[in-house]
Amino acid sequence: MEIRVIWRGALSGFIAGVIGFVFARIWAEPLIQKAIDYESGRDDWLGKLNLAAGRPVASDGPEVFSRGIQRNIGVFSGIVAFSTAMGALIAVAYVVLHGRFNVRGRTLVWMLAAFGFFGVYMLPFVKYPANPPAIGHSYTLGTRSALYLTMVASSLILLGLAVFTARRLRDRFGMVAATVLAAAGLLIAFGLIIGLLPSLGHLPANKDHADQFGFARAATETPQPITNILDRPLVVDGQSIAPGQIVYPGFDADVLWKFRWYSILEQLLIWTTTALIFGALIDRYFRDAQRRGVQAEPELVA
């Protein structure tokens, strides 16, 4: 039984991933291309300023995959692999938790999907939101990954504790009051965590690069306008660049907020679609089992 349930969860996630890919390909990919174009122009100007100032110029690495492969095969494989894995995890959690909550099977699926959406994505997004290319420095990649995983783990633990607390307080205060108290505790603990974890712009590696072109002090790694940070003019392509003069703008705020908004919608679409399909498959599976006369555990079909 367990394998058949998990297989249905993975299938649900796969279908949701295909739908999520179509959404990303239509809405998010144009924004990614704009971010890549911006990054290319920014790198050109950084190279010119460093060359004019007599500083080392970073060389571009080879392009392993073309943009055509990245925007199609790369995006498809990434989204589908993630959503399939999340669908399988929802199914595993369903197998473990069935019978522990006095709800129907489909309702439990929705509860698990909501738990996953908020724990894996939405709560971590509050502290470390999704970013398009051009945002984020290569030398902080390891630190950023560790911080994000810490945020995900913390969110899942806090949500689990909130559910446990609500159930423990239910008999004493009632379901509504217990839920409110658990939610309040969750928000307080969550606020402490996001306050303790560092902002990406304040990482030691970013502070070490504060004296380089294009690395203005900020709380995030969103690219700031490139200026001549030296106290003398620089000559670039025959043009004199005065101290403090802006030569390249910061990252487009419209592109950033649209990318983040579409990122939220895509994740919501994936988790919702997974819950819809998996819930329907679970109901059908146990109805068919009952019609065939196969004994199914009553808590699975409750």
Foldseek 3Di string as FASTA:
>chain_A
DLVVLLVLLLVLLLVLLVVLLVLCLVQVVVLLVVLVVQLVVVLVVLQLLCVLVVHDRDDDDDDPDDPVCCSPVVSSVVSNVVSSVLSSVLSVVLVVCQPVDPDFQLVSSLVSLVLCLCLQAVLLCVQPNDFHPPFDDPVCVVVVVVLSVVSSVVSSVLVVVLVVQLVVCCVPPNNVVSNVVSVVVSVVVSVVVSVPDAQQLPDPVLVVCCPGFQSPRDSGRFTAFGAQCDCQWTAGPNDTGHHGRGDGHTDDPVSGVSNRVSVSVSSVSSSVSSSVSSSVVQQVVVVVCVVVVHDDDVSSRD
